[in-house]
Amino acid sequence: MTTVSIDNISGARNATEYLIDSGHERISCIVGPLNSVLNLNRLKGFYQAIKQQPYRESCVSPGR
C-alpha cells in the first residue's frame, strides 16, 4: 500500500517565512481544533518562523 505524508511543521514554517520575506509584518495563523496533531504541528511551524524574526505582530485563531 502506498501512502503520502505531509510535513506540516516545515510547510507552515516555510509559508510563514515566505510571508515574512515578502515584507508582511502582521501575520495570522488560522488552524483547526488544537486537539489535532496536524493542527498543532502547523502551529509549531508558524511559531518557529515567527520567533526567528525581530518583533512581528502575530495572531493565532484556533477553530472548533
Foldseek 3Di string as FASTA:
>chain_A
DDDDDDQLLQVLLVVLLVCVVVPDQEEEAEFEAPVDPSRVSSVNSNVVNCVVDPDGHYYYHYHD
